[in-house]
Amino acid sequence: MTTADRLSIEDVALINATANRLEESIERVIVGKPEIVRLALVALLCEGHILLEDVPGLGKTTLAKAIARSLGCEFRRIQFTPDLMPADITGINYYNQKLGEFVFREGPLVAQVVLADEINRATPRTQSALLEAMEERQLTVEGVTTKLPSPFLVVATQNPVELEGTFPLPEAQLDRFLIRLKLGYPSEDEEDEILRRFEGDSPLESLQPVITGEELSRLAAALRHLHVDPSVRRYAVQIVQATREDPAFELGASPRGSLALFRTARALAAISGRDYVLPDDVKTMAPYVLPHRLILSTQARLRGRNGDDLLAEVLKRVPVPIEG
């Protein structure tokens, strides 16, 4: 990469300032989760999809709405239910008698920011309708392909503990999500602040957009020129390779996982105000980008292991590159 291709200090400052404005906006609603908000911003700057996974009542849908309201983008919400059909979200071709021809009536998936609420309550057939949209940013209905608007972001929520009436997301679907986040319970002081903040009107209703979709796409394009040292890039590759060689995993992360780790580390560096990526950026993003892409071996599952703990062991084993 030539010097002319490098991301300028001005561009890094703009990304950093924009991220700070977004963070301030979202944290007016989400209390005590600055790390989660920051990681969500990383995904936004990568124009990647976000999976929010946790028990009911912790603010998954509220966070998704706060993100949507902070972006000046067309927003639609889809409440996933067992009777939801693929055509209900993608749209249909219907015969218009007045025009004497078939016309495409777009579904709620044709938007810039889509909230897929309780995504694991829909049947696998309906879930699979998202695959093409999430990966290729397009829809094909009855042989007709429709390009989706830019940016196109899916923010999905799911409850991992309630199994009755749910359909677990298949590996191919999980792999489409750039990042998976868990909010966790608030502390006593944070929960008290939630009660104080929401005792009157919800602060969510007063949120105003702080960035347009066009600006977000422009920043995401600029981010591709942020410098990454070859040793740091190789470090990301070595982490992913280690998941494929570890016997605890039946299947390690795919090259899509490598790209996700690389892109999110770059975004984290820019949000932090740096025009270069550190190994720590890669290490920080790995627990949020890789575990949902890993399939544990039978032995690991029988021993009660989970992907997060096993990945932490992998990160300890892979040597961190040292400058010079």
Protein backbone atom coordinates (compact mmCIF):
# COMPACT_ATOMS: atom_id res chain seq x y z
CA MET A 1 0.00 0.00 0.00
CA THR A 2 1.43 3.38 -0.97
CA THR A 3 1.47 6.44 1.25
CA ALA A 4 -1.25 7.97 -0.94
CA ASP A 5 -3.49 5.01 -0.12
CA ARG A 6 -3.08 5.47 3.64
CA LEU A 7 -5.97 6.83 5.68
CA SER A 8 -5.21 10.44 6.58
CA ILE A 9 -5.05 11.78 10.14
CA GLU A 10 -8.03 14.00 9.28
CA ASP A 11 -10.12 10.99 8.26
CA VAL A 12 -9.18 9.15 11.46
CA ALA A 13 -10.16 12.22 13.50
CA LEU A 14 -13.50 12.36 11.66
CA ILE A 15 -14.21 8.67 12.32
CA ASN A 16 -13.24 9.11 15.98
CA ALA A 17 -15.45 12.21 16.37
CA THR A 18 -18.39 10.54 14.62
CA ALA A 19 -18.05 7.45 16.82
CA ASN A 20 -18.01 9.65 19.92
CA ARG A 21 -21.23 11.39 18.82
CA LEU A 22 -22.92 8.05 18.15
CA GLU A 23 -21.71 6.68 21.47
CA GLU A 24 -23.04 9.71 23.34
CA SER A 25 -26.41 9.39 21.59
CA ILE A 26 -26.85 5.66 22.30
CA GLU A 27 -25.67 5.98 25.91
CA ARG A 28 -28.51 8.40 26.59
CA VAL A 29 -30.66 5.26 26.48
CA ILE A 30 -28.32 2.37 27.31
CA VAL A 31 -26.94 2.64 30.85
CA GLY A 32 -23.60 1.23 32.01
CA LYS A 33 -22.63 -0.63 28.83
CA PRO A 34 -19.97 1.58 27.18
CA GLU A 35 -17.97 -1.44 25.94
CA ILE A 36 -21.04 -3.00 24.28
CA VAL A 37 -21.97 0.32 22.66
CA ARG A 38 -18.41 0.74 21.41
CA LEU A 39 -18.39 -2.76 19.92
CA ALA A 40 -21.71 -2.07 18.21
CA LEU A 41 -20.15 1.05 16.67
CA VAL A 42 -17.28 -1.09 15.38
CA ALA A 43 -19.82 -3.24 13.53
CA LEU A 44 -21.61 -0.16 12.16
CA LEU A 45 -18.39 1.28 10.75
CA CYS A 46 -17.73 -2.07 9.08
CA GLU A 47 -21.31 -2.07 7.75
CA GLY A 48 -21.65 -5.45 9.43
CA HIS A 49 -24.63 -7.21 10.99
CA ILE A 50 -25.05 -7.47 14.78
CA LEU A 51 -26.49 -10.35 16.80
CA LEU A 52 -27.64 -9.36 20.31
CA GLU A 53 -28.02 -12.46 22.44
CA ASP A 54 -29.10 -12.52 26.07
CA VAL A 55 -31.95 -13.31 28.45
CA PRO A 56 -35.18 -11.27 28.24
CA GLY A 57 -35.43 -7.80 29.71
CA LEU A 58 -31.80 -6.68 29.45
CA GLY A 59 -32.34 -4.10 26.70
CA LYS A 60 -31.49 -5.94 23.47
CA THR A 61 -34.37 -4.42 21.52
CA THR A 62 -33.82 -1.03 23.17
CA LEU A 63 -30.17 -1.04 22.08
CA ALA A 64 -31.17 -1.98 18.52
CA LYS A 65 -33.73 0.85 18.44
CA ALA A 66 -31.24 3.34 19.87
CA ILE A 67 -28.75 2.43 17.13
CA ALA A 68 -31.43 2.83 14.46
CA ARG A 69 -32.64 6.19 15.79
CA SER A 70 -29.05 7.51 15.96
CA LEU A 71 -28.60 6.77 12.26
CA GLY A 72 -30.43 8.87 9.69
CA CYS A 73 -31.46 5.72 7.83
CA GLU A 74 -34.70 4.09 6.77
CA PHE A 75 -35.61 1.75 9.64
CA ARG A 76 -37.98 -1.19 9.76
CA ARG A 77 -38.70 -3.73 12.47
CA ILE A 78 -39.70 -7.35 11.86
CA GLN A 79 -41.17 -9.30 14.77
CA PHE A 80 -40.20 -12.90 14.04
CA THR A 81 -42.88 -15.47 14.89
CA PRO A 82 -43.38 -19.16 13.99
CA ASP A 83 -46.06 -18.28 11.40
CA LEU A 84 -43.91 -15.68 9.61
CA MET A 85 -43.32 -16.67 5.98
CA PRO A 86 -40.35 -15.73 3.74
CA ALA A 87 -42.60 -13.59 1.51
CA ASP A 88 -43.68 -11.62 4.59
CA ILE A 89 -40.17 -10.18 4.90
CA THR A 90 -38.81 -10.21 1.33
CA GLY A 91 -41.94 -9.07 -0.52
CA ILE A 92 -43.99 -10.57 -3.35
CA ASN A 93 -44.69 -10.13 -7.04
CA TYR A 94 -48.42 -9.51 -7.57
CA TYR A 95 -50.49 -8.90 -10.67
CA ASN A 96 -51.60 -5.28 -10.95
CA GLN A 97 -54.81 -5.32 -13.01
CA LYS A 98 -54.66 -1.57 -13.63
CA LEU A 99 -51.17 -1.79 -15.14
CA GLY A 100 -51.74 -5.22 -16.64
CA GLU A 101 -48.41 -6.51 -15.35
CA PHE A 102 -46.70 -8.05 -12.34
CA VAL A 103 -45.36 -5.56 -9.78
CA PHE A 104 -42.95 -6.19 -6.91
CA ARG A 105 -44.30 -5.16 -3.53
CA GLU A 106 -41.28 -4.88 -1.28
CA GLY A 107 -41.26 -6.36 2.19
CA PRO A 108 -39.83 -4.84 5.38
CA LEU A 109 -36.41 -6.30 4.59
CA VAL A 110 -35.96 -3.58 1.95
CA ALA A 111 -34.60 -0.91 4.29
CA GLN A 112 -31.25 0.43 5.49
CA VAL A 113 -31.50 -0.71 9.11
CA VAL A 114 -33.61 -3.80 9.88
CA LEU A 115 -34.38 -4.95 13.42
CA ALA A 116 -35.00 -8.71 13.36
CA ASP A 117 -36.55 -9.11 16.80
CA GLU A 118 -36.50 -12.62 18.35
CA ILE A 119 -35.03 -14.01 15.15
CA ASN A 120 -34.89 -17.57 16.48
CA ARG A 121 -38.69 -17.72 16.81
CA ALA A 122 -39.13 -17.98 13.02
CA THR A 123 -38.87 -21.29 11.17
CA PRO A 124 -35.61 -22.21 9.38
CA ARG A 125 -37.33 -21.56 6.05
CA THR A 126 -37.99 -17.95 7.00
CA GLN A 127 -34.58 -17.51 8.61
CA SER A 128 -32.91 -18.66 5.39
CA ALA A 129 -34.65 -15.85 3.49
CA LEU A 130 -32.15 -13.52 5.18
CA LEU A 131 -29.03 -15.30 3.92
CA GLU A 132 -28.78 -13.69 0.49
CA ALA A 133 -29.75 -10.27 1.84
CA MET A 134 -27.15 -10.32 4.63
CA GLU A 135 -24.25 -11.54 2.51
CA GLU A 136 -24.89 -10.06 -0.94
CA ARG A 137 -27.08 -7.05 -0.07
CA GLN A 138 -29.72 -8.16 -2.58
CA LEU A 139 -32.98 -10.10 -2.77
CA THR A 140 -34.10 -12.58 -5.39
CA VAL A 141 -37.87 -13.13 -5.54
CA GLU A 142 -39.26 -15.38 -8.30
CA GLY A 143 -36.11 -14.96 -10.35
CA VAL A 144 -36.04 -11.15 -10.09
CA THR A 145 -33.08 -9.66 -8.18
CA THR A 146 -33.50 -6.41 -6.26
CA LYS A 147 -30.54 -4.49 -4.86
CA LEU A 148 -30.91 -3.45 -1.25
CA PRO A 149 -30.20 0.14 -0.18
CA SER A 150 -26.79 1.15 1.16
CA PRO A 151 -25.92 0.83 3.94
CA PHE A 152 -27.84 -2.35 4.77
CA LEU A 153 -27.57 -3.45 8.39
CA VAL A 154 -29.39 -6.23 10.21
CA VAL A 155 -29.56 -5.96 14.00
CA ALA A 156 -31.03 -9.22 15.33
CA THR A 157 -31.98 -10.23 18.86
CA GLN A 158 -32.48 -13.69 20.31
CA ASN A 159 -33.06 -15.33 23.67
CA PRO A 160 -30.61 -18.23 24.15
CA VAL A 161 -32.25 -19.78 27.23
CA GLU A 162 -35.89 -20.18 26.16
CA LEU A 163 -35.98 -23.20 23.85
CA GLU A 164 -39.72 -23.90 23.56
CA GLY A 165 -41.11 -22.51 20.32
CA THR A 166 -37.70 -21.47 18.99
CA PHE A 167 -35.50 -22.65 16.13
CA PRO A 168 -31.72 -22.32 16.70
CA LEU A 169 -29.93 -20.34 14.00
CA PRO A 170 -27.92 -22.62 11.70
CA GLU A 171 -24.17 -22.16 11.38
CA ALA A 172 -24.50 -20.57 7.93
CA GLN A 173 -26.83 -17.93 9.37
CA LEU A 174 -24.62 -17.22 12.40
CA ASP A 175 -21.61 -16.80 10.11
CA ARG A 176 -23.37 -13.87 8.40
CA PHE A 177 -23.28 -11.85 11.61
CA LEU A 178 -20.11 -9.82 11.90
CA ILE A 179 -20.29 -9.65 15.67
CA ARG A 180 -22.22 -11.23 18.55
CA LEU A 181 -22.82 -9.24 21.73
CA LYS A 182 -24.20 -10.09 25.18
CA LEU A 183 -25.39 -7.24 27.39
CA GLY A 184 -25.36 -8.92 30.81
CA TYR A 185 -27.08 -7.73 33.98
CA PRO A 186 -26.53 -4.16 35.21
CA SER A 187 -24.93 -3.39 38.57
CA GLU A 188 -26.99 -2.02 41.46
CA ASP A 189 -26.05 1.60 40.69
CA GLU A 190 -26.64 1.11 36.96
CA GLU A 191 -30.08 -0.40 37.57
CA ASP A 192 -30.97 2.50 39.85
CA GLU A 193 -29.94 4.90 37.08
CA ILE A 194 -32.13 2.96 34.61
CA LEU A 195 -35.14 3.45 36.90
CA ARG A 196 -34.37 7.17 37.29
CA ARG A 197 -33.84 7.70 33.56
CA PHE A 198 -36.97 5.83 32.50
CA GLU A 199 -39.35 6.97 35.27
CA GLY A 200 -40.82 9.59 32.94
CA ASP A 201 -40.78 9.64 29.16
CA SER A 202 -38.40 7.18 27.52
CA PRO A 203 -35.19 8.90 26.35
CA LEU A 204 -35.42 6.69 23.26
CA GLU A 205 -38.23 8.88 21.92
CA SER A 206 -36.08 12.02 21.94
CA LEU A 207 -33.07 10.57 20.10
CA GLN A 208 -32.15 12.39 16.90
CA PRO A 209 -29.95 11.10 14.03
CA VAL A 210 -26.30 12.10 14.34
CA ILE A 211 -25.10 10.65 11.02
CA THR A 212 -26.74 9.87 7.69
CA GLY A 213 -26.53 6.58 5.84
CA GLU A 214 -24.41 8.21 3.12
CA GLU A 215 -21.92 9.50 5.70
CA LEU A 216 -21.71 6.06 7.32
CA SER A 217 -21.00 4.42 3.94
CA ARG A 218 -18.35 7.04 3.19
CA LEU A 219 -16.57 6.44 6.51
CA ALA A 220 -16.76 2.68 6.01
CA ALA A 221 -15.12 3.08 2.57
CA ALA A 222 -12.39 5.32 4.01
CA LEU A 223 -11.71 2.79 6.76
CA ARG A 224 -10.45 0.29 4.17
CA HIS A 225 -7.31 2.42 3.76
CA LEU A 226 -6.27 2.31 7.41
CA HIS A 227 -2.76 0.86 7.71
CA VAL A 228 -2.34 -2.66 9.02
CA ASP A 229 1.19 -3.97 9.51
CA PRO A 230 1.77 -7.38 7.84
CA SER A 231 2.73 -8.89 11.20
CA VAL A 232 -0.59 -7.81 12.73
CA ARG A 233 -2.50 -9.14 9.74
CA ARG A 234 -0.64 -12.45 10.05
CA TYR A 235 -1.49 -12.53 13.79
CA ALA A 236 -5.21 -12.44 12.93
CA VAL A 237 -4.70 -15.27 10.44
CA GLN A 238 -2.76 -17.36 12.98
CA ILE A 239 -5.59 -17.05 15.54
CA VAL A 240 -8.13 -18.30 13.01
CA GLN A 241 -5.80 -21.09 11.86
CA ALA A 242 -5.36 -22.18 15.48
CA THR A 243 -9.13 -22.69 15.82
CA ARG A 244 -9.01 -25.10 12.85
CA GLU A 245 -6.12 -27.10 14.33
CA ASP A 246 -7.48 -27.33 17.88
CA PRO A 247 -9.12 -30.76 18.48
CA ALA A 248 -11.67 -29.09 20.77
CA PHE A 249 -13.32 -27.65 17.66
CA GLU A 250 -15.04 -29.83 15.10
CA LEU A 251 -14.96 -26.87 12.72
CA GLY A 252 -12.82 -23.77 13.14
CA ALA A 253 -13.53 -20.28 11.82
CA SER A 254 -13.77 -19.80 8.06
CA PRO A 255 -11.98 -17.18 5.93
CA ARG A 256 -15.08 -15.04 6.47
CA GLY A 257 -14.13 -15.13 10.14
CA SER A 258 -10.59 -13.98 9.28
CA LEU A 259 -11.99 -11.06 7.28
CA ALA A 260 -14.36 -10.17 10.10
CA LEU A 261 -11.54 -10.15 12.65
CA PHE A 262 -9.34 -8.07 10.36
CA ARG A 263 -12.06 -5.52 9.56
CA THR A 264 -13.27 -5.08 13.14
CA ALA A 265 -9.71 -4.63 14.47
CA ARG A 266 -9.22 -1.89 11.90
CA ALA A 267 -12.47 -0.18 12.90
CA LEU A 268 -11.57 -0.38 16.60
CA ALA A 269 -8.25 1.32 15.89
CA ALA A 270 -9.97 4.18 14.03
CA ILE A 271 -12.61 4.62 16.75
CA SER A 272 -9.73 4.84 19.24
CA GLY A 273 -8.21 7.68 17.18
CA ARG A 274 -5.30 5.70 15.68
CA ASP A 275 -4.31 5.37 12.01
CA TYR A 276 -2.70 1.97 12.64
CA VAL A 277 -3.82 -1.36 14.11
CA LEU A 278 -2.27 -2.93 17.21
CA PRO A 279 -2.20 -6.66 18.04
CA ASP A 280 -4.35 -5.74 21.05
CA ASP A 281 -7.08 -4.57 18.66
CA VAL A 282 -7.15 -8.04 17.11
CA LYS A 283 -7.10 -9.71 20.52
CA THR A 284 -9.90 -7.46 21.81
CA MET A 285 -12.22 -8.22 18.90
CA ALA A 286 -11.64 -11.99 18.68
CA PRO A 287 -14.05 -12.96 21.54
CA TYR A 288 -16.89 -11.08 19.84
CA VAL A 289 -16.19 -12.06 16.23
CA LEU A 290 -15.14 -15.74 16.36
CA PRO A 291 -17.01 -17.84 19.01
CA HIS A 292 -20.35 -17.93 17.15
CA ARG A 293 -18.51 -19.23 14.07
CA LEU A 294 -16.96 -22.20 15.89
CA ILE A 295 -18.45 -25.69 16.21
CA LEU A 296 -17.29 -27.60 19.27
CA SER A 297 -16.29 -31.25 19.12
CA THR A 298 -18.47 -33.86 20.81
CA GLN A 299 -15.88 -34.37 23.56
CA ALA A 300 -15.72 -30.65 24.32
CA ARG A 301 -19.51 -30.44 24.60
CA LEU A 302 -19.67 -33.50 26.86
CA ARG A 303 -17.15 -31.86 29.16
CA GLY A 304 -19.33 -28.76 29.39
CA ARG A 305 -16.87 -26.51 27.58
CA ASN A 306 -18.01 -23.47 25.63
CA GLY A 307 -16.61 -21.61 22.65
CA ASP A 308 -15.70 -18.48 24.60
CA ASP A 309 -13.47 -20.31 27.09
CA LEU A 310 -11.84 -22.44 24.41
CA LEU A 311 -11.10 -19.39 22.28
CA ALA A 312 -9.53 -17.68 25.31
CA GLU A 313 -7.14 -20.64 25.56
CA VAL A 314 -6.31 -20.30 21.85
CA LEU A 315 -5.55 -16.60 22.29
CA LYS A 316 -3.13 -17.44 25.12
CA ARG A 317 -1.27 -19.91 22.91
CA VAL A 318 -0.86 -17.81 19.77
CA PRO A 319 2.24 -15.61 20.13
CA VAL A 320 1.62 -11.87 19.92
CA PRO A 321 3.83 -10.06 17.38
CA ILE A 322 6.35 -7.71 18.96
CA GLU A 323 7.56 -4.54 17.26
CA GLY A 324 11.05 -4.92 15.83
